[in-house]
């Protein structure tokens, strides 16, 4: 029996990349275009995944808000308020809010927070940490404890920024403030909490010695945060930074001066392992 040859031939033409998908605009039409192209065979599965990996971001003209970061990094884009106008902050935060993502804005001054809260309901301001927070999505709870220590009371604002960051990411956070080396017995009083923590953040200005002391006492990662607290020869936190970088205690990692957010995020990643 002679079989009739099928008139359908497999296309050898290389699938074309969608211009709309290349632009990476966050619209339902863009996503629909990619899915339709995949369904009809215009683009391959690998190309469709590549498109989806590259977007979405919302192009506000002055900023491209990364709405895909929570998929890549586990947490949405965080807004650094310094250097931005009220109008820019309002549009960026509203964009994240309308996308249903959790919001964390750092270095927000009190007057700025008042104006933003009027425009975007549900924001919570921490005046010590200078953070604005809004939880739109459920947060998975982490099993370990992150302990945050400050050497002095003047270091608390940076410590609070770390605490707000780690807590919003689902971590159990404990605090022990004003336990610096000038009165080492205050730190020793918290030794049980030191040994129960899974990650410890040490926030200190002046000479930054507290990180080395804590690092020599525990068997868990210590994240050292130098602050700009100190007299003239502290050089705005540079002395503490260099002291922490030159720590003779093993297991001490150092973030930038006054970077409580960076410490909180890093502690979260360690606690999530």
C-alpha atoms as a PDB file:
ATOM      1  CA  UNK A   1       0.000   0.000   0.000  1.00  0.00           C
ATOM      2  CA  UNK A   2       1.331   3.376  -0.973  1.00  0.00           C
ATOM      3  CA  UNK A   3       1.038   5.872   1.835  1.00  0.00           C
ATOM      4  CA  UNK A   4       0.270   9.430   1.020  1.00  0.00           C
ATOM      5  CA  UNK A   5       3.038  11.756   2.128  1.00  0.00           C
ATOM      6  CA  UNK A   6       2.036  14.358   4.611  1.00  0.00           C
ATOM      7  CA  UNK A   7       1.987  17.850   3.191  1.00  0.00           C
ATOM      8  CA  UNK A   8       2.930  19.277   6.582  1.00  0.00           C
ATOM      9  CA  UNK A   9       6.615  19.894   6.914  1.00  0.00           C
ATOM     10  CA  UNK A  10       8.483  20.694  10.049  1.00  0.00           C
ATOM     11  CA  UNK A  11       9.660  24.248   9.879  1.00  0.00           C
ATOM     12  CA  UNK A  12      13.410  24.756   9.916  1.00  0.00           C
ATOM     13  CA  UNK A  13      13.017  28.468  10.288  1.00  0.00           C
ATOM     14  CA  UNK A  14      14.595  29.804  13.470  1.00  0.00           C
ATOM     15  CA  UNK A  15      11.968  31.249  15.823  1.00  0.00           C
ATOM     16  CA  UNK A  16      12.055  35.018  15.959  1.00  0.00           C
ATOM     17  CA  UNK A  17      12.316  36.963  19.181  1.00  0.00           C
ATOM     18  CA  UNK A  18       9.312  39.108  19.951  1.00  0.00           C
ATOM     19  CA  UNK A  19      10.049  42.818  19.798  1.00  0.00           C
ATOM     20  CA  UNK A  20       7.479  43.385  22.529  1.00  0.00           C
ATOM     21  CA  UNK A  21       9.127  40.778  24.748  1.00  0.00           C
ATOM     22  CA  UNK A  22      12.555  42.277  24.153  1.00  0.00           C
ATOM     23  CA  UNK A  23      11.367  45.575  25.531  1.00  0.00           C
ATOM     24  CA  UNK A  24      10.508  43.898  28.815  1.00  0.00           C
ATOM     25  CA  UNK A  25       7.488  46.074  29.616  1.00  0.00           C
ATOM     26  CA  UNK A  26       5.265  44.876  32.435  1.00  0.00           C
ATOM     27  CA  UNK A  27       1.877  44.680  30.762  1.00  0.00           C
ATOM     28  CA  UNK A  28      -0.634  41.832  30.382  1.00  0.00           C
ATOM     29  CA  UNK A  29      -0.345  42.260  26.608  1.00  0.00           C
ATOM     30  CA  UNK A  30       3.389  41.517  26.699  1.00  0.00           C
ATOM     31  CA  UNK A  31       2.914  38.299  28.620  1.00  0.00           C
ATOM     32  CA  UNK A  32       0.040  37.297  26.343  1.00  0.00           C
ATOM     33  CA  UNK A  33       2.215  37.894  23.264  1.00  0.00           C
ATOM     34  CA  UNK A  34       4.979  35.623  24.580  1.00  0.00           C
ATOM     35  CA  UNK A  35       2.523  32.858  25.497  1.00  0.00           C
ATOM     36  CA  UNK A  36       0.755  33.050  22.130  1.00  0.00           C
ATOM     37  CA  UNK A  37       4.067  32.916  20.282  1.00  0.00           C
ATOM     38  CA  UNK A  38       5.076  29.839  22.236  1.00  0.00           C
ATOM     39  CA  UNK A  39       1.694  28.196  21.646  1.00  0.00           C
ATOM     40  CA  UNK A  40       1.895  28.727  17.889  1.00  0.00           C
ATOM     41  CA  UNK A  41       5.528  27.641  17.703  1.00  0.00           C
ATOM     42  CA  UNK A  42       6.873  31.039  16.717  1.00  0.00           C
ATOM     43  CA  UNK A  43       9.288  30.849  19.639  1.00  0.00           C
ATOM     44  CA  UNK A  44      10.690  27.783  21.399  1.00  0.00           C
ATOM     45  CA  UNK A  45      10.262  26.836  25.040  1.00  0.00           C
ATOM     46  CA  UNK A  46      13.830  27.958  25.743  1.00  0.00           C
ATOM     47  CA  UNK A  47      13.189  31.328  24.127  1.00  0.00           C
ATOM     48  CA  UNK A  48       9.946  31.770  26.043  1.00  0.00           C
ATOM     49  CA  UNK A  49      11.748  31.067  29.299  1.00  0.00           C
ATOM     50  CA  UNK A  50      14.461  33.517  28.311  1.00  0.00           C
ATOM     51  CA  UNK A  51      11.844  36.217  27.713  1.00  0.00           C
ATOM     52  CA  UNK A  52      10.189  35.571  31.059  1.00  0.00           C
ATOM     53  CA  UNK A  53      13.550  35.571  32.826  1.00  0.00           C
ATOM     54  CA  UNK A  54      14.372  39.023  31.524  1.00  0.00           C
ATOM     55  CA  UNK A  55      11.168  40.807  32.556  1.00  0.00           C
ATOM     56  CA  UNK A  56       8.927  42.174  33.951  1.00  0.00           C
ATOM     57  CA  UNK A  57      10.056  45.598  34.946  1.00  0.00           C
ATOM     58  CA  UNK A  58       7.958  48.714  35.011  1.00  0.00           C
ATOM     59  CA  UNK A  59       9.460  51.558  32.993  1.00  0.00           C
ATOM     60  CA  UNK A  60       8.540  54.787  34.775  1.00  0.00           C
ATOM     61  CA  UNK A  61      10.775  56.878  32.554  1.00  0.00           C
ATOM     62  CA  UNK A  62      13.128  57.983  35.333  1.00  0.00           C
ATOM     63  CA  UNK A  63      13.324  54.480  36.849  1.00  0.00           C
ATOM     64  CA  UNK A  64      12.884  50.881  35.781  1.00  0.00           C
ATOM     65  CA  UNK A  65      11.284  49.124  38.743  1.00  0.00           C
ATOM     66  CA  UNK A  66      12.406  45.492  38.903  1.00  0.00           C
ATOM     67  CA  UNK A  67       9.213  43.533  39.552  1.00  0.00           C
ATOM     68  CA  UNK A  68      10.948  40.234  38.849  1.00  0.00           C
ATOM     69  CA  UNK A  69      13.509  40.474  41.649  1.00  0.00           C
ATOM     70  CA  UNK A  70      11.442  38.523  44.166  1.00  0.00           C
ATOM     71  CA  UNK A  71      11.599  35.522  41.808  1.00  0.00           C
ATOM     72  CA  UNK A  72      15.360  35.800  41.329  1.00  0.00           C
ATOM     73  CA  UNK A  73      16.368  36.884  44.834  1.00  0.00           C
ATOM     74  CA  UNK A  74      13.485  35.808  47.062  1.00  0.00           C
ATOM     75  CA  UNK A  75      12.550  39.381  48.010  1.00  0.00           C
ATOM     76  CA  UNK A  76      11.288  42.361  45.989  1.00  0.00           C
ATOM     77  CA  UNK A  77      13.357  45.372  45.019  1.00  0.00           C
ATOM     78  CA  UNK A  78      14.138  47.570  48.026  1.00  0.00           C
ATOM     79  CA  UNK A  79      13.845  51.338  47.616  1.00  0.00           C
ATOM     80  CA  UNK A  80      16.747  53.509  48.779  1.00  0.00           C
ATOM     81  CA  UNK A  81      15.078  56.863  49.453  1.00  0.00           C
ATOM     82  CA  UNK A  82      18.217  58.995  49.603  1.00  0.00           C
ATOM     83  CA  UNK A  83      18.614  61.305  46.623  1.00  0.00           C
ATOM     84  CA  UNK A  84      15.085  60.715  45.294  1.00  0.00           C
ATOM     85  CA  UNK A  85      12.316  63.299  45.124  1.00  0.00           C
ATOM     86  CA  UNK A  86       8.922  62.815  46.777  1.00  0.00           C
ATOM     87  CA  UNK A  87       7.338  62.386  43.357  1.00  0.00           C
ATOM     88  CA  UNK A  88       9.864  59.725  42.336  1.00  0.00           C
ATOM     89  CA  UNK A  89       9.466  57.826  45.602  1.00  0.00           C
ATOM     90  CA  UNK A  90       5.683  57.963  45.378  1.00  0.00           C
ATOM     91  CA  UNK A  91       5.639  56.533  41.862  1.00  0.00           C
ATOM     92  CA  UNK A  92       8.178  53.791  42.626  1.00  0.00           C
ATOM     93  CA  UNK A  93       6.498  52.659  45.849  1.00  0.00           C
ATOM     94  CA  UNK A  94       3.024  52.842  44.310  1.00  0.00           C
ATOM     95  CA  UNK A  95       4.265  50.684  41.434  1.00  0.00           C
ATOM     96  CA  UNK A  96       5.477  47.999  43.857  1.00  0.00           C
ATOM     97  CA  UNK A  97       2.250  48.302  45.837  1.00  0.00           C
ATOM     98  CA  UNK A  98       0.023  47.900  42.786  1.00  0.00           C
ATOM     99  CA  UNK A  99       2.033  44.805  41.808  1.00  0.00           C
ATOM    100  CA  UNK A 100       1.140  43.326  45.207  1.00  0.00           C
ATOM    101  CA  UNK A 101       4.734  43.113  46.378  1.00  0.00           C
ATOM    102  CA  UNK A 102       6.065  43.680  49.873  1.00  0.00           C
ATOM    103  CA  UNK A 103       7.561  47.130  50.294  1.00  0.00           C
ATOM    104  CA  UNK A 104      10.735  48.153  52.097  1.00  0.00           C
ATOM    105  CA  UNK A 105      12.108  51.657  51.702  1.00  0.00           C
ATOM    106  CA  UNK A 106      15.259  52.679  53.575  1.00  0.00           C
ATOM    107  CA  UNK A 107      16.747  56.037  54.643  1.00  0.00           C
ATOM    108  CA  UNK A 108      13.358  57.732  54.663  1.00  0.00           C
ATOM    109  CA  UNK A 109      13.309  61.014  56.573  1.00  0.00           C
ATOM    110  CA  UNK A 110      10.306  61.701  58.880  1.00  0.00           C
ATOM    111  CA  UNK A 111       8.767  64.462  56.755  1.00  0.00           C
ATOM    112  CA  UNK A 112       9.129  62.345  53.634  1.00  0.00           C
ATOM    113  CA  UNK A 113       7.437  59.411  55.368  1.00  0.00           C
ATOM    114  CA  UNK A 114       4.438  61.586  56.277  1.00  0.00           C
ATOM    115  CA  UNK A 115       3.922  62.690  52.705  1.00  0.00           C
ATOM    116  CA  UNK A 116       4.342  59.194  51.310  1.00  0.00           C
ATOM    117  CA  UNK A 117       1.928  57.713  53.865  1.00  0.00           C
ATOM    118  CA  UNK A 118      -0.754  60.180  52.746  1.00  0.00           C
ATOM    119  CA  UNK A 119      -0.397  59.056  49.131  1.00  0.00           C
ATOM    120  CA  UNK A 120       0.008  55.318  49.752  1.00  0.00           C
ATOM    121  CA  UNK A 121      -2.094  53.844  52.566  1.00  0.00           C
ATOM    122  CA  UNK A 122      -0.806  51.032  54.771  1.00  0.00           C
ATOM    123  CA  UNK A 123       2.828  52.102  55.081  1.00  0.00           C
ATOM    124  CA  UNK A 124       4.435  51.699  58.507  1.00  0.00           C
ATOM    125  CA  UNK A 125       7.296  54.000  59.498  1.00  0.00           C
ATOM    126  CA  UNK A 126      10.091  53.146  61.929  1.00  0.00           C
ATOM    127  CA  UNK A 127      11.619  56.493  62.976  1.00  0.00           C
ATOM    128  CA  UNK A 128      14.764  54.913  64.427  1.00  0.00           C
ATOM    129  CA  UNK A 129      15.506  52.764  61.397  1.00  0.00           C
ATOM    130  CA  UNK A 130      14.122  55.376  58.985  1.00  0.00           C
ATOM    131  CA  UNK A 131      12.304  52.613  57.100  1.00  0.00           C
ATOM    132  CA  UNK A 132       8.895  52.380  55.473  1.00  0.00           C
ATOM    133  CA  UNK A 133       7.303  48.940  55.296  1.00  0.00           C
ATOM    134  CA  UNK A 134       4.141  47.448  53.869  1.00  0.00           C
ATOM    135  CA  UNK A 135       3.386  43.735  53.761  1.00  0.00           C
ATOM    136  CA  UNK A 136       1.253  42.756  50.767  1.00  0.00           C
ATOM    137  CA  UNK A 137       2.272  39.097  50.528  1.00  0.00           C
ATOM    138  CA  UNK A 138       2.568  36.302  53.062  1.00  0.00           C
ATOM    139  CA  UNK A 139       6.125  35.747  54.305  1.00  0.00           C
ATOM    140  CA  UNK A 140       7.561  32.288  54.917  1.00  0.00           C
ATOM    141  CA  UNK A 141       8.932  32.015  58.458  1.00  0.00           C
ATOM    142  CA  UNK A 142      12.559  30.946  58.923  1.00  0.00           C
ATOM    143  CA  UNK A 143      13.472  28.509  61.717  1.00  0.00           C
ATOM    144  CA  UNK A 144      16.654  30.134  63.042  1.00  0.00           C
ATOM    145  CA  UNK A 145      17.221  33.274  65.100  1.00  0.00           C
ATOM    146  CA  UNK A 146      19.146  36.336  63.997  1.00  0.00           C
ATOM    147  CA  UNK A 147      20.638  38.202  66.959  1.00  0.00           C
ATOM    148  CA  UNK A 148      21.445  41.875  66.426  1.00  0.00           C
ATOM    149  CA  UNK A 149      23.904  43.538  68.777  1.00  0.00           C
ATOM    150  CA  UNK A 150      24.859  47.186  69.012  1.00  0.00           C
ATOM    151  CA  UNK A 151      27.966  48.439  70.754  1.00  0.00           C
ATOM    152  CA  UNK A 152      26.352  51.695  71.870  1.00  0.00           C
ATOM    153  CA  UNK A 153      23.020  53.492  71.898  1.00  0.00           C
ATOM    154  CA  UNK A 154      24.205  55.726  69.050  1.00  0.00           C
ATOM    155  CA  UNK A 155      24.539  52.620  66.853  1.00  0.00           C
ATOM    156  CA  UNK A 156      20.876  51.639  67.291  1.00  0.00           C
ATOM    157  CA  UNK A 157      19.529  53.347  64.126  1.00  0.00           C
ATOM    158  CA  UNK A 158      21.754  51.170  61.913  1.00  0.00           C
ATOM    159  CA  UNK A 159      20.944  48.103  64.029  1.00  0.00           C
ATOM    160  CA  UNK A 160      17.230  48.838  63.655  1.00  0.00           C
ATOM    161  CA  UNK A 161      17.566  49.033  59.873  1.00  0.00           C
ATOM    162  CA  UNK A 162      19.057  45.539  59.954  1.00  0.00           C
ATOM    163  CA  UNK A 163      16.305  44.341  62.297  1.00  0.00           C
ATOM    164  CA  UNK A 164      13.473  45.682  60.137  1.00  0.00           C
ATOM    165  CA  UNK A 165      15.037  44.151  57.022  1.00  0.00           C
ATOM    166  CA  UNK A 166      15.535  40.694  58.528  1.00  0.00           C
ATOM    167  CA  UNK A 167      12.096  40.632  60.179  1.00  0.00           C
ATOM    168  CA  UNK A 168      10.273  41.593  56.972  1.00  0.00           C
ATOM    169  CA  UNK A 169      11.979  38.667  55.257  1.00  0.00           C
ATOM    170  CA  UNK A 170      10.451  36.230  57.735  1.00  0.00           C
ATOM    171  CA  UNK A 171      13.255  35.813  60.256  1.00  0.00           C
ATOM    172  CA  UNK A 172      12.950  35.713  64.031  1.00  0.00           C
ATOM    173  CA  UNK A 173      14.976  38.681  65.259  1.00  0.00           C
ATOM    174  CA  UNK A 174      16.312  39.278  68.761  1.00  0.00           C
ATOM    175  CA  UNK A 175      18.179  42.381  69.911  1.00  0.00           C
ATOM    176  CA  UNK A 176      20.769  43.190  72.535  1.00  0.00           C
ATOM    177  CA  UNK A 177      21.748  46.861  72.444  1.00  0.00           C
ATOM    178  CA  UNK A 178      24.445  48.907  74.182  1.00  0.00           C
ATOM    179  CA  UNK A 179      26.754  45.999  75.054  1.00  0.00           C
ATOM    180  CA  UNK A 180      30.070  47.403  73.766  1.00  0.00           C
ATOM    181  CA  UNK A 181      33.602  46.642  74.910  1.00  0.00           C
ATOM    182  CA  UNK A 182      33.704  49.620  77.291  1.00  0.00           C
ATOM    183  CA  UNK A 183      31.602  47.427  79.598  1.00  0.00           C
ATOM    184  CA  UNK A 184      32.257  43.892  78.423  1.00  0.00           C
ATOM    185  CA  UNK A 185      30.233  42.402  81.307  1.00  0.00           C
ATOM    186  CA  UNK A 186      27.084  43.602  79.516  1.00  0.00           C
ATOM    187  CA  UNK A 187      27.909  41.379  76.549  1.00  0.00           C
ATOM    188  CA  UNK A 188      28.745  38.408  78.762  1.00  0.00           C
ATOM    189  CA  UNK A 189      25.339  38.750  80.367  1.00  0.00           C
ATOM    190  CA  UNK A 190      23.832  37.886  76.971  1.00  0.00           C
ATOM    191  CA  UNK A 191      26.051  34.838  76.336  1.00  0.00           C
ATOM    192  CA  UNK A 192      23.106  32.394  76.256  1.00  0.00           C
ATOM    193  CA  UNK A 193      21.468  34.369  73.460  1.00  0.00           C
ATOM    194  CA  UNK A 194      24.782  34.520  71.609  1.00  0.00           C
ATOM    195  CA  UNK A 195      25.121  30.740  71.565  1.00  0.00           C
ATOM    196  CA  UNK A 196      21.494  30.116  70.545  1.00  0.00           C
ATOM    197  CA  UNK A 197      21.556  32.432  67.515  1.00  0.00           C
ATOM    198  CA  UNK A 198      22.116  31.091  64.021  1.00  0.00           C
ATOM    199  CA  UNK A 199      23.523  34.373  62.706  1.00  0.00           C
ATOM    200  CA  UNK A 200      24.768  37.421  64.640  1.00  0.00           C
ATOM    201  CA  UNK A 201      24.915  40.984  63.380  1.00  0.00           C
ATOM    202  CA  UNK A 202      27.303  43.239  65.292  1.00  0.00           C
ATOM    203  CA  UNK A 203      26.851  46.995  64.812  1.00  0.00           C
ATOM    204  CA  UNK A 204      29.624  49.186  66.179  1.00  0.00           C
ATOM    205  CA  UNK A 205      31.287  52.539  65.627  1.00  0.00           C
ATOM    206  CA  UNK A 206      34.395  54.039  67.268  1.00  0.00           C
ATOM    207  CA  UNK A 207      37.134  51.409  66.822  1.00  0.00           C
ATOM    208  CA  UNK A 208      34.689  48.574  65.967  1.00  0.00           C
ATOM    209  CA  UNK A 209      36.242  46.101  68.414  1.00  0.00           C
ATOM    210  CA  UNK A 210      32.970  44.429  69.413  1.00  0.00           C
ATOM    211  CA  UNK A 211      32.817  42.325  66.235  1.00  0.00           C
ATOM    212  CA  UNK A 212      36.152  40.655  67.049  1.00  0.00           C
ATOM    213  CA  UNK A 213      35.086  39.918  70.607  1.00  0.00           C
ATOM    214  CA  UNK A 214      31.801  38.326  69.503  1.00  0.00           C
ATOM    215  CA  UNK A 215      33.527  36.448  66.687  1.00  0.00           C
ATOM    216  CA  UNK A 216      35.878  34.864  69.214  1.00  0.00           C
ATOM    217  CA  UNK A 217      32.980  33.661  71.382  1.00  0.00           C
ATOM    218  CA  UNK A 218      30.639  31.906  68.940  1.00  0.00           C
ATOM    219  CA  UNK A 219      30.628  29.207  66.255  1.00  0.00           C
ATOM    220  CA  UNK A 220      28.172  30.916  63.891  1.00  0.00           C
ATOM    221  CA  UNK A 221      28.643  33.573  61.186  1.00  0.00           C
ATOM    222  CA  UNK A 222      29.132  37.108  62.476  1.00  0.00           C
ATOM    223  CA  UNK A 223      28.225  40.014  60.204  1.00  0.00           C
ATOM    224  CA  UNK A 224      30.021  43.175  61.261  1.00  0.00           C
ATOM    225  CA  UNK A 225      28.514  46.575  60.478  1.00  0.00           C
ATOM    226  CA  UNK A 226      30.800  49.582  61.033  1.00  0.00           C
ATOM    227  CA  UNK A 227      28.931  52.805  61.785  1.00  0.00           C
ATOM    228  CA  UNK A 228      29.910  56.410  61.282  1.00  0.00           C
ATOM    229  CA  UNK A 229      29.590  57.009  65.053  1.00  0.00           C
ATOM    230  CA  UNK A 230      32.742  58.401  66.644  1.00  0.00           C
ATOM    231  CA  UNK A 231      35.034  61.375  67.102  1.00  0.00           C
ATOM    232  CA  UNK A 232      37.182  62.951  64.399  1.00  0.00           C
ATOM    233  CA  UNK A 233      39.821  60.234  64.084  1.00  0.00           C
ATOM    234  CA  UNK A 234      37.105  57.654  63.409  1.00  0.00           C
ATOM    235  CA  UNK A 235      36.898  59.302  59.956  1.00  0.00           C
ATOM    236  CA  UNK A 236      33.174  58.765  59.564  1.00  0.00           C
ATOM    237  CA  UNK A 237      33.346  55.039  60.277  1.00  0.00           C
ATOM    238  CA  UNK A 238      36.523  54.273  58.355  1.00  0.00           C
ATOM    239  CA  UNK A 239      38.405  53.348  61.551  1.00  0.00           C
ATOM    240  CA  UNK A 240      35.686  50.862  62.536  1.00  0.00           C
ATOM    241  CA  UNK A 241      35.580  49.463  59.003  1.00  0.00           C
ATOM    242  CA  UNK A 242      39.332  48.845  58.918  1.00  0.00           C
ATOM    243  CA  UNK A 243      39.293  47.405  62.429  1.00  0.00           C
ATOM    244  CA  UNK A 244      36.569  44.928  61.474  1.00  0.00           C
ATOM    245  CA  UNK A 245      38.263  43.988  58.204  1.00  0.00           C
ATOM    246  CA  UNK A 246      41.456  43.279  60.171  1.00  0.00           C
ATOM    247  CA  UNK A 247      39.690  41.163  62.793  1.00  0.00           C
ATOM    248  CA  UNK A 248      41.737  38.229  64.041  1.00  0.00           C
ATOM    249  CA  UNK A 249      38.530  36.313  64.845  1.00  0.00           C
ATOM    250  CA  UNK A 250      37.510  33.790  62.209  1.00  0.00           C
ATOM    251  CA  UNK A 251      34.012  33.802  60.771  1.00  0.00           C
ATOM    252  CA  UNK A 252      33.571  37.594  60.714  1.00  0.00           C
ATOM    253  CA  UNK A 253      32.297  39.170  57.478  1.00  0.00           C
ATOM    254  CA  UNK A 254      32.038  42.934  57.032  1.00  0.00           C
ATOM    255  CA  UNK A 255      29.530  45.089  55.146  1.00  0.00           C
ATOM    256  CA  UNK A 256      29.852  48.766  54.314  1.00  0.00           C
ATOM    257  CA  UNK A 257      29.659  51.666  56.762  1.00  0.00           C
ATOM    258  CA  UNK A 258      26.125  52.169  58.160  1.00  0.00           C
ATOM    259  CA  UNK A 259      24.775  49.424  55.882  1.00  0.00           C
ATOM    260  CA  UNK A 260      22.212  47.873  58.208  1.00  0.00           C
ATOM    261  CA  UNK A 261      20.081  46.800  55.258  1.00  0.00           C
ATOM    262  CA  UNK A 262      22.946  44.868  53.682  1.00  0.00           C
ATOM    263  CA  UNK A 263      23.653  43.086  56.961  1.00  0.00           C
ATOM    264  CA  UNK A 264      19.999  42.190  57.468  1.00  0.00           C
ATOM    265  CA  UNK A 265      19.695  40.796  53.950  1.00  0.00           C
ATOM    266  CA  UNK A 266      22.899  38.762  54.239  1.00  0.00           C
ATOM    267  CA  UNK A 267      21.823  37.369  57.607  1.00  0.00           C
ATOM    268  CA  UNK A 268      18.511  36.375  56.036  1.00  0.00           C
ATOM    269  CA  UNK A 269      20.265  34.493  53.231  1.00  0.00           C
ATOM    270  CA  UNK A 270      22.445  32.624  55.731  1.00  0.00           C
ATOM    271  CA  UNK A 271      19.453  31.787  57.929  1.00  0.00           C
ATOM    272  CA  UNK A 272      17.591  30.499  54.843  1.00  0.00           C
ATOM    273  CA  UNK A 273      20.217  27.897  53.946  1.00  0.00           C
END
